[in-house]
Protein backbone atom coordinates (compact mmCIF):
# COMPACT_ATOMS: atom_id res chain seq x y z
CA UNK A 1 -12.16 -4.46 8.43
CA UNK A 2 -11.62 -4.66 4.67
CA UNK A 3 -9.33 -7.40 3.40
CA UNK A 4 -7.22 -6.95 0.29
CA UNK A 5 -4.32 -8.68 -1.39
CA UNK A 6 -1.01 -7.46 -2.79
CA UNK A 7 -0.53 -8.25 -6.46
CA UNK A 8 3.01 -7.50 -7.48
CA UNK A 9 5.28 -7.97 -10.46
CA UNK A 10 7.30 -11.07 -9.66
CA UNK A 11 9.93 -12.92 -11.68
CA UNK A 12 9.41 -13.56 -15.37
CA UNK A 13 9.39 -11.78 -18.69
CA UNK A 14 7.05 -8.83 -19.13
CA UNK A 15 4.37 -10.56 -21.18
CA UNK A 16 3.97 -13.54 -18.85
CA UNK A 17 4.27 -11.32 -15.78
CA UNK A 18 1.43 -9.05 -16.87
CA UNK A 19 -0.84 -11.95 -17.77
CA UNK A 20 -0.20 -13.54 -14.37
CA UNK A 21 -1.07 -10.29 -12.60
CA UNK A 22 -4.27 -10.01 -14.62
CA UNK A 23 -5.25 -13.56 -13.66
CA UNK A 24 -4.57 -12.68 -10.03
CA UNK A 25 -6.77 -9.57 -10.09
CA UNK A 26 -9.56 -11.47 -11.80
CA UNK A 27 -9.34 -14.07 -9.03
CA UNK A 28 -9.33 -11.38 -6.30
CA UNK A 29 -12.48 -9.79 -7.68
CA UNK A 30 -14.29 -13.09 -8.19
CA UNK A 31 -13.29 -14.18 -4.66
CA UNK A 32 -14.99 -11.10 -3.20
CA UNK A 33 -11.91 -9.35 -1.81
CA UNK A 34 -12.37 -5.65 -1.13
CA UNK A 35 -9.09 -4.29 -2.47
CA UNK A 36 -5.92 -5.13 -4.36
CA UNK A 37 -2.70 -3.23 -3.70
CA UNK A 38 -0.05 -2.93 -6.40
CA UNK A 39 3.48 -2.24 -5.12
CA UNK A 40 5.64 0.27 -6.97
CA UNK A 41 8.90 -1.65 -7.07
CA UNK A 42 11.87 0.47 -8.22
CA UNK A 43 12.99 -2.09 -10.80
CA UNK A 44 9.68 -3.17 -12.26
CA UNK A 45 6.27 -2.31 -13.74
CA UNK A 46 4.65 1.08 -13.25
CA UNK A 47 1.89 0.58 -10.68
CA UNK A 48 -0.57 3.11 -12.13
CA UNK A 49 -0.29 1.77 -15.67
CA UNK A 50 -0.83 -1.72 -14.25
CA UNK A 51 -3.95 -0.50 -12.44
CA UNK A 52 -5.29 1.07 -15.63
CA UNK A 53 -4.99 -2.31 -17.36
CA UNK A 54 -6.50 -4.13 -14.36
CA UNK A 55 -9.37 -1.67 -14.35
CA UNK A 56 -10.37 -2.83 -17.81
CA UNK A 57 -10.50 -6.46 -16.63
CA UNK A 58 -12.53 -5.86 -13.44
CA UNK A 59 -15.65 -3.99 -12.40
CA UNK A 60 -15.89 -3.82 -8.60
CA UNK A 61 -12.65 -4.24 -6.63
CA UNK A 62 -10.74 -1.18 -5.39
CA UNK A 63 -7.26 -0.89 -6.92
CA UNK A 64 -4.56 0.81 -4.86
CA UNK A 65 -0.91 1.76 -5.28
CA UNK A 66 1.38 0.89 -2.40
CA UNK A 67 3.09 3.22 -2.97
CA UNK A 68 4.17 5.63 -5.73
CA UNK A 69 7.39 7.49 -4.75
CA UNK A 70 6.76 11.23 -4.98
CA UNK A 71 10.24 12.35 -6.01
CA UNK A 72 10.22 10.40 -9.28
CA UNK A 73 7.75 12.72 -11.04
CA UNK A 74 6.25 16.20 -10.90
CA UNK A 75 2.95 16.40 -8.98
CA UNK A 76 1.07 17.61 -12.06
CA UNK A 77 2.37 14.59 -13.99
CA UNK A 78 1.30 12.27 -11.16
CA UNK A 79 -2.16 13.90 -11.00
CA UNK A 80 -2.56 13.42 -14.75
CA UNK A 81 -1.45 9.80 -14.59
CA UNK A 82 -3.67 9.06 -11.56
CA UNK A 83 -6.73 10.64 -13.17
CA UNK A 84 -6.13 8.58 -16.31
CA UNK A 85 -5.85 5.31 -14.34
CA UNK A 86 -8.85 6.30 -12.22
CA UNK A 87 -10.96 6.76 -15.35
CA UNK A 88 -9.79 3.43 -16.80
CA UNK A 89 -10.77 1.73 -13.53
CA UNK A 90 -14.19 3.38 -13.41
CA UNK A 91 -13.35 5.46 -10.33
CA UNK A 92 -11.83 2.62 -8.27
CA UNK A 93 -8.29 3.94 -7.73
CA UNK A 94 -6.87 4.48 -4.25
CA UNK A 95 -3.69 6.50 -4.76
CA UNK A 96 -1.04 5.49 -2.26
CA UNK A 97 2.02 7.75 -2.36
CA UNK A 98 5.03 8.48 -0.20
CA UNK A 99 8.45 10.09 0.03
CA UNK A 100 10.13 6.68 -0.29
CA UNK A 101 13.58 6.02 1.21
CA UNK A 102 17.08 7.38 0.84
CA UNK A 103 18.32 4.20 -0.84
CA UNK A 104 15.77 4.64 -3.63
CA UNK A 105 15.62 8.41 -4.05
CA UNK A 106 19.26 9.34 -3.42
CA UNK A 107 21.17 6.16 -4.18
CA UNK A 108 19.15 4.86 -7.16
CA UNK A 109 17.67 8.01 -8.72
CA UNK A 110 20.38 10.48 -7.76
CA UNK A 111 17.85 12.97 -6.39
CA UNK A 112 17.99 14.94 -3.14
CA UNK A 113 16.44 13.34 -0.05
CA UNK A 114 16.44 16.42 2.14
CA UNK A 115 13.44 17.11 4.38
CA UNK A 116 11.15 14.46 2.89
CA UNK A 117 8.22 15.40 5.13
CA UNK A 118 8.30 19.06 4.08
CA UNK A 119 8.62 17.96 0.46
CA UNK A 120 5.58 15.69 0.89
CA UNK A 121 3.48 18.50 2.36
CA UNK A 122 4.31 20.84 -0.53
CA UNK A 123 3.84 18.07 -3.11
CA UNK A 124 0.39 17.20 -1.78
CA UNK A 125 -0.76 20.79 -2.15
CA UNK A 126 -0.07 20.62 -5.89
CA UNK A 127 -1.32 17.05 -6.27
CA UNK A 128 -4.67 17.78 -4.62
CA UNK A 129 -5.15 20.84 -6.82
CA UNK A 130 -4.55 18.66 -9.87
CA UNK A 131 -6.86 15.88 -8.70
CA UNK A 132 -9.69 18.40 -8.21
CA UNK A 133 -9.62 19.37 -11.93
CA UNK A 134 -10.47 20.30 -14.52
CA UNK A 135 -9.09 23.79 -14.17
CA UNK A 136 -5.99 25.80 -13.55
CA UNK A 137 -3.48 24.39 -11.07
CA UNK A 138 -2.07 27.45 -9.33
CA UNK A 139 0.14 26.66 -6.35
CA UNK A 140 3.17 28.48 -5.01
CA UNK A 141 4.93 27.12 -1.94
CA UNK A 142 8.46 26.56 -0.71
CA UNK A 143 9.10 23.76 -3.22
CA UNK A 144 6.83 24.33 -6.23
CA UNK A 145 5.70 27.24 -8.36
CA UNK A 146 3.00 25.82 -10.60
CA UNK A 147 0.62 27.55 -13.01
CA UNK A 148 -0.58 24.70 -15.17
CA UNK A 149 -3.93 24.20 -16.94
CA UNK A 150 -5.39 20.72 -16.66
CA UNK A 151 -8.44 19.63 -18.63
CA UNK A 152 -8.84 16.30 -16.82
CA UNK A 153 -11.33 15.86 -13.98
CA UNK A 154 -11.91 12.88 -11.68
CA UNK A 155 -14.73 10.48 -12.50
CA UNK A 156 -15.12 10.19 -8.71
CA UNK A 157 -13.18 11.29 -5.64
CA UNK A 158 -9.61 9.97 -5.70
CA UNK A 159 -8.67 8.82 -2.18
CA UNK A 160 -5.05 9.66 -1.42
CA UNK A 161 -3.18 7.64 1.21
CA UNK A 162 0.31 8.44 2.47
CA UNK A 163 3.03 6.02 3.50
CA UNK A 164 3.31 7.68 6.90
CA UNK A 165 5.61 6.03 9.44
CA UNK A 166 6.82 8.78 11.78
CA UNK A 167 4.96 11.43 13.81
CA UNK A 168 5.41 14.29 11.31
CA UNK A 169 4.30 12.19 8.35
CA UNK A 170 1.33 10.85 10.31
CA UNK A 171 0.28 14.41 11.06
CA UNK A 172 0.54 15.30 7.37
CA UNK A 173 -1.47 12.20 6.43
CA UNK A 174 -4.20 13.10 8.91
CA UNK A 175 -4.36 16.73 7.81
CA UNK A 176 -4.06 16.30 4.03
CA UNK A 177 -4.93 12.73 3.04
CA UNK A 178 -7.52 10.00 3.43
CA UNK A 179 -5.30 7.68 5.44
CA UNK A 180 -2.03 5.80 5.51
CA UNK A 181 -0.55 2.68 3.89
CA UNK A 182 1.78 0.80 6.24
CA UNK A 183 4.51 -1.82 6.07
CA UNK A 184 6.50 -3.08 9.08
CA UNK A 185 3.83 -2.02 11.59
CA UNK A 186 2.63 -4.57 14.14
CA UNK A 187 -0.51 -4.33 16.27
CA UNK A 188 1.09 -2.32 19.07
CA UNK A 189 2.70 0.14 16.67
CA UNK A 190 -0.69 0.69 15.02
CA UNK A 191 -2.65 0.98 18.28
CA UNK A 192 -0.19 3.13 20.24
CA UNK A 193 1.60 5.12 17.54
CA UNK A 194 -0.16 5.24 14.16
CA UNK A 195 -3.87 5.47 14.99
CA UNK A 196 -3.68 8.07 17.80
CA UNK A 197 -1.47 10.44 15.81
CA UNK A 198 -3.19 10.25 12.44
CA UNK A 199 -6.67 10.32 13.99
CA UNK A 200 -5.87 13.37 16.13
CA UNK A 201 -4.50 15.24 13.11
CA UNK A 202 -7.55 14.36 11.01
CA UNK A 203 -9.97 15.44 13.72
CA UNK A 204 -8.18 18.75 14.26
CA UNK A 205 -8.29 19.38 10.50
CA UNK A 206 -11.99 18.58 10.35
CA UNK A 207 -11.43 15.54 8.15
CA UNK A 208 -13.15 12.13 8.36
CA UNK A 209 -11.59 9.28 10.31
CA UNK A 210 -8.60 8.09 8.25
CA UNK A 211 -8.08 4.69 6.72
CA UNK A 212 -5.20 2.66 8.13
CA UNK A 213 -4.01 -0.01 5.71
CA UNK A 214 -1.72 -2.59 7.32
CA UNK A 215 0.47 -4.63 4.97
CA UNK A 216 1.18 -8.14 6.27
CA UNK A 217 2.71 -11.36 4.96
CA UNK A 218 0.33 -14.29 5.53
CA UNK A 219 0.97 -18.02 5.22
CA UNK A 220 -1.54 -20.80 5.85
CA UNK A 221 0.44 -23.76 7.14
CA UNK A 222 0.59 -26.41 9.81
CA UNK A 223 1.56 -24.98 13.22
CA UNK A 224 4.79 -26.95 13.03
CA UNK A 225 5.86 -24.97 9.94
CA UNK A 226 5.37 -21.47 11.36
CA UNK A 227 9.11 -21.04 11.94
CA UNK A 228 9.74 -22.02 8.30
CA UNK A 229 7.24 -19.38 7.11
CA UNK A 230 8.82 -16.68 9.25
CA UNK A 231 12.31 -17.59 8.05
CA UNK A 232 11.11 -17.35 4.44
CA UNK A 233 9.52 -13.95 5.14
CA UNK A 234 12.83 -12.68 6.49
CA UNK A 235 14.71 -14.13 3.52
CA UNK A 236 12.57 -12.74 0.68
CA UNK A 237 10.97 -9.65 2.27
CA UNK A 238 13.58 -8.45 4.72
CA UNK A 239 15.52 -6.07 2.49
CA UNK A 240 13.40 -3.07 3.46
CA UNK A 241 14.48 -3.41 7.07
CA UNK A 242 17.68 -1.57 6.21
CA UNK A 243 15.66 1.65 5.98
CA UNK A 244 15.88 3.89 9.04
CA UNK A 245 12.21 4.79 8.47
CA UNK A 246 11.15 1.17 8.91
CA UNK A 247 13.53 0.63 11.81
CA UNK A 248 11.92 3.51 13.69
CA UNK A 249 8.48 2.06 13.03
CA UNK A 250 9.57 -1.37 14.27
CA UNK A 251 10.78 0.34 17.44
CA UNK A 252 7.20 1.50 18.08
CA UNK A 253 5.99 -2.10 18.40
CA UNK A 254 7.09 -5.55 19.53
CA UNK A 255 8.23 -7.00 16.19
CA UNK A 256 11.95 -7.08 15.39
CA UNK A 257 11.68 -8.01 11.71
CA UNK A 258 9.22 -8.95 8.98
CA UNK A 259 9.25 -12.56 10.15
CA UNK A 260 7.75 -11.48 13.47
CA UNK A 261 5.01 -9.64 11.56
CA UNK A 262 4.12 -12.67 9.44
CA UNK A 263 0.73 -14.18 10.23
CA UNK A 264 1.46 -17.88 9.88
CA UNK A 265 -0.33 -20.99 11.08
CA UNK A 266 -3.73 -22.54 10.66
CA UNK A 267 -6.91 -20.64 9.81
CA UNK A 268 -7.81 -20.07 13.46
CA UNK A 269 -4.42 -18.53 14.21
CA UNK A 270 -4.53 -16.27 11.16
CA UNK A 271 -8.11 -15.15 11.85
CA UNK A 272 -7.11 -14.28 15.42
CA UNK A 273 -4.16 -12.28 14.12
CA UNK A 274 -6.34 -10.32 11.69
CA UNK A 275 -8.82 -9.56 14.47
CA UNK A 276 -5.97 -8.19 16.59
CA UNK A 277 -5.16 -5.75 13.79
CA UNK A 278 -8.81 -4.71 13.57
CA UNK A 279 -8.88 -4.14 17.33
CA UNK A 280 -5.69 -2.08 17.04
CA UNK A 281 -7.44 0.27 14.62
CA UNK A 282 -6.49 -1.04 11.16
CA UNK A 283 -9.39 -0.40 8.80
CA UNK A 284 -7.82 -2.48 6.00
CA UNK A 285 -5.31 -5.29 5.70
CA UNK A 286 -3.25 -5.79 2.56
CA UNK A 287 -2.18 -9.43 2.50
CA UNK A 288 1.16 -10.34 0.99
CA UNK A 289 0.65 -14.04 0.17
CA UNK A 290 3.69 -15.98 1.43
CA UNK A 291 3.87 -19.53 0.08
CA UNK A 292 6.26 -22.13 1.46
CA UNK A 293 7.61 -25.32 -0.07
CA UNK A 294 10.62 -26.97 -1.64
CA UNK A 295 9.40 -27.17 -5.24
CA UNK A 296 7.50 -24.89 -7.60
CA UNK A 297 4.42 -27.13 -7.36
CA UNK A 298 4.52 -26.97 -3.55
CA UNK A 299 4.84 -23.17 -3.64
CA UNK A 300 1.91 -22.84 -6.06
CA UNK A 301 -0.25 -25.13 -3.93
CA UNK A 302 0.68 -23.24 -0.75
CA UNK A 303 -0.22 -19.89 -2.34
CA UNK A 304 -3.54 -21.31 -3.55
CA UNK A 305 -4.47 -22.59 -0.08
CA UNK A 306 -3.57 -19.30 1.57
CA UNK A 307 -5.50 -17.13 -0.83
CA UNK A 308 -8.64 -19.28 -0.66
CA UNK A 309 -8.48 -19.07 3.12
CA UNK A 310 -8.08 -15.28 2.96
CA UNK A 311 -11.13 -15.00 0.71
CA UNK A 312 -13.18 -16.90 3.29
CA UNK A 313 -11.92 -14.75 6.17
CA UNK A 314 -12.66 -11.57 4.22
CA UNK A 315 -16.33 -12.45 4.22
CA UNK A 316 -16.24 -13.09 7.99
CA UNK A 317 -14.36 -9.93 8.94
CA UNK A 318 -16.11 -7.44 6.65
């Protein structure tokens, strides 16, 4: 199982924020992690532009988006942007995309959120045609009529992963993508729901076995502070639970909230948790570092301990 880390735009002004993210990606590469996943937060930095900059500061680590909402831009525009970032990163982009949620697409952007799975299927047809360039992108389907020349070509294959939570989206991901990027999926949801459906669809489409990237908050702490870590996960990461898409995915497993999904405890407990995800069928884990503490210094020290532990486990679990 490949171990990666989420590197996201957190609080601060743009200049300091970017420099902090660049320090984090330099650490992740030097620590030997396999991947870094950049969230596309509605209110913050563009993930693909961030990856392009990170690509110029690294040479080995895979750089993934988790995930770019499809409705915010035309598929030809996304293909062009992805190919540009892919070139800047020397062919190390993993393009995670998805139909997002009603509270982003409809409530924030004022765009329709009707039939998101059908929209995703049609969007991917255009996106894949663009990513195969250079050449003419000619696609006509129920959503798009595109006849667009594109002079860009990929420096290497661009893996596309879909945020697929329900059965229809998992089928689309298996048939048309290289895998799925998950959030709010515990071991049972992955083993009993995600892996069987996406793998069956991929096999029937004659595609390779898909990647399954599980996003998880992780906190190295004394066993007596596990409850504190889970409470913090619920406090700072629990907003997404309002989405019906995530609620349905939680229903497929045993977790009730993001706190239940948090891997917290000592190194032995966290290693055991990661192995459970590997046994469930996750090919990758994207670690959301979750520090705990009362002061800024305590939070920084907690984050440092957790990420050094994750780097050590990555070497064991690879």
